[in-house]
Protein backbone atom coordinates (compact mmCIF):
# COMPACT_ATOMS: atom_id res chain seq x y z
CA MET A 1 0.00 0.00 0.00
CA THR A 2 1.18 3.51 -0.79
CA THR A 3 -1.19 5.34 1.55
CA ASP A 4 1.11 4.67 4.50
CA LYS A 5 4.04 6.38 2.76
CA THR A 6 5.01 10.05 2.96
CA ILE A 7 4.84 12.34 -0.09
CA LYS A 8 8.65 12.39 -0.17
CA GLU A 9 8.78 8.58 -0.18
CA ILE A 10 6.15 8.40 -2.92
CA LYS A 11 8.07 10.92 -5.01
CA ALA A 12 11.21 8.77 -4.79
CA LEU A 13 9.19 5.63 -5.52
CA THR A 14 7.59 7.03 -8.69
CA GLU A 15 10.69 8.76 -10.09
CA ASN A 16 11.07 6.49 -13.14
CA LEU A 17 7.71 4.73 -13.37
CA GLU A 18 5.67 4.45 -16.56
CA ALA A 19 2.16 5.96 -16.67
CA ASP A 20 0.51 2.51 -16.72
CA ASP A 21 2.47 1.11 -13.76
CA PRO A 22 0.19 -0.50 -11.11
CA ILE A 23 1.68 1.79 -8.44
CA ILE A 24 0.48 4.86 -10.39
CA LYS A 25 -3.00 3.35 -10.64
CA GLU A 26 -3.00 2.78 -6.90
CA LEU A 27 -1.82 6.33 -6.20
CA LYS A 28 -4.77 7.72 -8.16
CA LYS A 29 -6.99 6.44 -5.35
CA ASP A 30 -5.00 8.45 -2.78
CA GLU A 31 -6.95 11.62 -1.95
CA ARG A 32 -4.09 13.49 -0.25
CA LYS A 33 -3.47 16.89 -1.86
CA GLY A 34 0.28 16.29 -2.06
CA VAL A 35 -0.20 13.01 -3.95
CA ILE A 36 -2.69 14.59 -6.37
CA GLN A 37 -0.23 17.44 -7.10
CA LEU A 38 2.62 14.94 -7.55
CA LEU A 39 0.60 12.94 -10.09
CA GLU A 40 -0.37 16.11 -11.95
CA LYS A 41 3.30 17.12 -12.11
CA MET A 42 4.21 13.65 -13.41
CA ASP A 43 1.54 13.95 -16.12
CA ARG A 44 2.88 17.34 -17.23
CA LYS A 45 6.41 15.98 -17.34
CA ARG A 46 5.29 12.95 -19.36
CA LEU A 47 3.38 15.14 -21.83
CA ASN A 48 6.41 17.42 -22.23
CA ILE A 49 8.64 14.43 -22.94
CA GLU A 50 6.18 13.08 -25.51
CA LYS A 51 5.97 16.52 -27.13
CA GLU A 52 9.77 16.77 -27.28
CA LYS A 53 9.99 13.33 -28.91
CA SER A 54 7.34 14.28 -31.44
CA ASN A 55 9.08 17.57 -32.27
CA PHE A 56 12.42 15.81 -32.56
CA GLU A 57 10.96 13.35 -35.06
CA LYS A 58 9.68 16.28 -37.13
CA LEU A 59 13.21 17.67 -37.15
CA ARG A 60 14.53 14.35 -38.49
CA VAL A 61 12.40 14.38 -41.65
CA TYR A 62 15.21 15.57 -43.95
CA GLU A 63 17.78 13.27 -42.34
CA LYS A 64 15.52 10.20 -42.52
CA ALA A 65 14.81 10.78 -46.22
CA ILE A 66 18.55 11.11 -46.92
CA TRP A 67 19.45 8.02 -44.87
CA GLN A 68 16.89 6.05 -46.88
CA GLN A 69 18.84 6.98 -50.01
CA GLY A 70 21.89 5.22 -48.57
CA PHE A 71 23.84 8.20 -47.19
CA THR A 72 25.21 7.75 -43.68
CA ARG A 73 27.13 10.88 -42.68
CA ILE A 74 24.99 14.02 -43.00
CA ALA A 75 26.64 17.32 -42.11
CA GLY A 76 24.41 20.19 -41.04
CA ILE A 77 25.93 23.63 -41.59
CA ASP A 78 24.87 26.95 -40.08
CA GLU A 79 26.40 30.32 -39.21
CA VAL A 80 26.00 33.06 -36.65
CA GLY A 81 27.17 36.65 -36.56
CA ARG A 82 26.23 38.19 -39.91
CA GLY A 83 24.61 41.25 -38.35
CA PRO A 84 26.90 42.43 -35.53
CA LEU A 85 29.09 45.53 -35.79
CA ALA A 86 32.02 43.72 -34.16
CA GLY A 87 33.55 40.28 -33.97
CA PRO A 88 33.87 37.43 -36.46
CA VAL A 89 31.25 35.51 -38.38
CA VAL A 90 31.31 31.89 -37.20
CA ALA A 91 30.03 28.76 -38.96
CA ALA A 92 29.79 25.19 -37.72
CA ALA A 93 29.36 21.84 -39.43
CA VAL A 94 28.02 18.93 -37.38
CA VAL A 95 27.62 15.24 -38.26
CA LEU A 96 25.21 13.43 -35.93
CA PRO A 97 24.87 9.64 -35.66
CA LYS A 98 21.52 8.06 -36.54
CA HIS A 99 20.83 7.12 -32.92
CA PHE A 100 21.40 10.67 -31.62
CA TYR A 101 18.56 12.07 -29.51
CA LEU A 102 18.34 15.40 -27.71
CA GLY A 103 14.87 16.38 -26.57
CA GLY A 104 14.26 20.11 -26.98
CA LEU A 105 16.86 20.55 -29.72
CA ASN A 106 15.97 23.57 -31.84
CA ASP A 107 17.27 26.69 -33.54
CA SER A 108 19.80 28.28 -31.17
CA LYS A 109 17.91 31.60 -31.28
CA LYS A 110 14.90 29.91 -29.65
CA LEU A 111 16.91 28.60 -26.68
CA SER A 112 18.09 30.33 -23.53
CA GLU A 113 21.82 30.80 -23.01
CA SER A 114 21.89 28.11 -20.30
CA LYS A 115 20.11 25.64 -22.61
CA ARG A 116 22.50 26.41 -25.47
CA GLU A 117 25.45 25.76 -23.18
CA GLU A 118 23.90 22.50 -21.95
CA TYR A 119 23.05 21.31 -25.46
CA TYR A 120 26.46 22.37 -26.79
CA GLU A 121 28.17 19.95 -24.40
CA LEU A 122 25.76 17.13 -25.30
CA ILE A 123 26.25 17.74 -29.04
CA VAL A 124 30.05 17.77 -28.67
CA GLN A 125 29.86 14.50 -26.73
CA GLY A 126 27.44 12.79 -29.11
CA ALA A 127 28.44 14.04 -32.57
CA GLU A 128 30.47 11.96 -35.00
CA GLY A 129 32.21 15.09 -36.25
CA ILE A 130 32.33 18.84 -35.65
CA GLY A 131 34.08 21.54 -37.67
CA VAL A 132 34.18 25.29 -37.04
CA GLY A 133 35.03 28.12 -39.44
CA LEU A 134 35.74 31.70 -38.36
CA ILE A 135 36.25 34.80 -40.51
CA GLU A 136 37.66 37.88 -38.79
CA PRO A 137 36.32 41.46 -39.21
CA GLU A 138 39.21 42.56 -41.42
CA GLU A 139 38.36 39.81 -43.92
CA ILE A 140 34.65 40.63 -43.67
CA ASP A 141 35.44 44.24 -44.61
CA ARG A 142 37.58 43.10 -47.51
CA ILE A 143 35.24 40.57 -49.17
CA ASN A 144 31.80 41.58 -47.72
CA ILE A 145 29.68 39.71 -45.17
CA TYR A 146 27.93 37.43 -47.68
CA GLU A 147 31.19 36.07 -49.08
CA ALA A 148 32.66 35.90 -45.57
CA THR A 149 29.70 33.80 -44.42
CA LYS A 150 30.22 31.34 -47.26
CA LYS A 151 33.94 31.22 -46.55
CA ALA A 152 33.26 30.44 -42.87
CA MET A 153 30.97 27.60 -43.94
CA TYR A 154 33.61 26.19 -46.28
CA GLU A 155 36.15 26.35 -43.46
CA ALA A 156 33.78 24.55 -41.09
CA LEU A 157 33.29 21.83 -43.68
CA THR A 158 37.05 21.53 -44.25
CA ASN A 159 37.68 21.33 -40.50
CA LEU A 160 35.24 18.46 -39.97
CA ASP A 161 37.12 15.52 -38.43
CA THR A 162 34.59 13.11 -39.98
CA LYS A 163 34.04 13.65 -43.70
CA PRO A 164 30.36 13.75 -44.71
CA ASP A 165 28.68 12.21 -47.71
CA TYR A 166 25.73 14.65 -47.73
CA ILE A 167 25.30 18.32 -46.73
CA LEU A 168 22.30 20.19 -45.29
CA ILE A 169 22.84 23.95 -45.29
CA ASP A 170 20.83 26.71 -43.65
CA ALA A 171 19.65 29.02 -46.47
CA MET A 172 23.00 29.42 -48.27
CA LYS A 173 24.10 27.53 -51.38
CA LEU A 174 27.61 26.08 -51.43
CA GLN A 175 29.61 24.44 -54.18
CA THR A 176 30.98 21.23 -52.66
CA PRO A 177 31.94 17.76 -53.91
CA TYR A 178 29.02 16.39 -51.87
CA PRO A 179 25.32 16.28 -52.74
CA SER A 180 23.52 18.93 -50.73
CA GLN A 181 20.28 20.73 -49.93
CA SER A 182 19.81 24.36 -48.94
CA ILE A 183 16.90 24.73 -46.50
CA ILE A 184 15.29 28.07 -45.66
CA LYS A 185 15.09 28.35 -41.86
CA GLY A 186 16.86 25.00 -41.74
CA ASP A 187 17.88 25.51 -38.10
CA SER A 188 14.24 24.94 -37.12
CA LYS A 189 13.63 22.11 -39.63
CA SER A 190 16.68 19.83 -39.36
CA ILE A 191 18.42 18.33 -36.31
CA SER A 192 21.80 18.53 -38.08
CA ILE A 193 21.45 22.24 -38.88
CA ALA A 194 19.96 22.97 -35.44
CA ALA A 195 22.98 21.30 -33.81
CA ALA A 196 25.32 23.34 -36.03
CA SER A 197 23.52 26.56 -35.09
CA ILE A 198 24.07 25.82 -31.38
CA VAL A 199 27.76 25.01 -31.84
CA ALA A 200 28.30 28.19 -33.89
CA LYS A 201 26.34 30.38 -31.46
CA VAL A 202 28.04 29.11 -28.30
CA THR A 203 31.48 29.30 -29.94
CA ARG A 204 30.94 32.91 -30.96
CA ASP A 205 29.32 34.00 -27.70
CA ARG A 206 32.22 32.61 -25.68
CA LEU A 207 34.66 34.46 -27.90
CA MET A 208 32.76 37.74 -27.53
CA LYS A 209 32.85 37.36 -23.73
CA GLU A 210 36.63 37.14 -23.98
CA TYR A 211 36.62 40.29 -26.10
CA ALA A 212 34.49 42.00 -23.44
CA ILE A 213 37.41 41.62 -21.04
CA LYS A 214 39.94 42.84 -23.60
CA TYR A 215 37.74 45.73 -24.76
CA PRO A 216 35.60 46.89 -21.81
CA GLY A 217 32.94 49.53 -22.29
CA TYR A 218 31.08 48.08 -25.28
CA GLY A 219 29.06 45.35 -23.53
CA PHE A 220 30.32 42.61 -25.83
CA ASP A 221 29.50 39.99 -23.17
CA LYS A 222 25.83 40.98 -23.35
CA ASN A 223 25.30 42.15 -26.94
CA ALA A 224 27.77 39.83 -28.75
CA GLY A 225 28.80 42.77 -30.94
CA TYR A 226 25.30 43.76 -32.11
CA GLY A 227 24.46 47.46 -32.27
CA THR A 228 22.72 47.85 -28.92
CA LYS A 229 22.48 51.18 -27.06
CA ASP A 230 25.38 50.27 -24.76
CA HIS A 231 27.52 49.29 -27.73
CA LEU A 232 26.78 52.54 -29.60
CA VAL A 233 27.53 54.62 -26.50
CA GLY A 234 30.84 52.77 -26.14
CA LEU A 235 31.60 53.38 -29.80
CA GLU A 236 30.94 57.10 -29.40
CA GLN A 237 32.97 57.47 -26.22
CA LEU A 238 35.83 55.02 -26.80
CA GLY A 239 36.08 54.78 -30.58
CA ILE A 240 36.54 51.62 -32.65
CA THR A 241 38.53 48.53 -31.72
CA SER A 242 40.43 46.03 -33.83
CA ILE A 243 37.38 43.75 -33.87
CA HIS A 244 34.95 46.32 -35.27
CA ARG A 245 33.73 45.90 -38.84
CA LYS A 246 34.75 49.13 -40.53
CA SER A 247 32.45 48.59 -43.53
CA PHE A 248 29.35 48.40 -41.30
CA ALA A 249 27.30 51.46 -40.39
CA PRO A 250 27.46 53.07 -37.83
CA VAL A 251 31.13 52.06 -37.44
CA LYS A 252 31.83 53.40 -40.92
CA GLU A 253 30.02 56.63 -40.09
CA HIS A 254 32.01 57.02 -36.88
CA ILE A 255 35.27 56.65 -38.84
CA GLN A 256 34.12 59.25 -41.37
CA LYS A 257 33.26 61.73 -38.60
CA GLN A 258 36.70 61.28 -37.09
């Protein structure tokens, strides 16, 4: 009988039970408020897990179709940092194994910083291969941001420690020796691209936090180089740094005023 147990004991007892377990059925007869709340919490948790599994399967649609064609190593490619006034543009390429599962995986922009950090570690641990490409501001100014983004993606692909046999790319089109698909908003439609978006985002954010120490006064640790109010005030008061993109307004305008 479970009615002679405390709520704490019941919580420990039901930690990993399935919804149809006889103990759960017995607990549903328990009229104590604490037990009722515990069961409701368990139901919400179960529904969230089922929803995550369902969403994850939707994100595997492209990969499953490609695997059925006989390909085994799909690289998802994505970039971050096209819009900021400072810092590099960073791209990542990630090859995930077929058995990989990460509930809640999604476009990095839809995740909190703590979740991105958590998922980054899980992706690094579980991926078959990861490659990162980084193009510095000076190069961005020289060849323009569009070409720099492509170059970062090519570098990420080159730096993969496991060579792919198929490529899924977020929005951009690349000329590679591998068959590929370009997917608009691919970071919210493909697990491989979503994983790449997280690796690229976390890599760049960590780098910008290091720059925040080197170049205080711009808020790089909070704005990642984007043109926020704090960043623009810093630009006006302190001038440009070596990581600012001189071809981007208002950096370019600041240079012209000087």
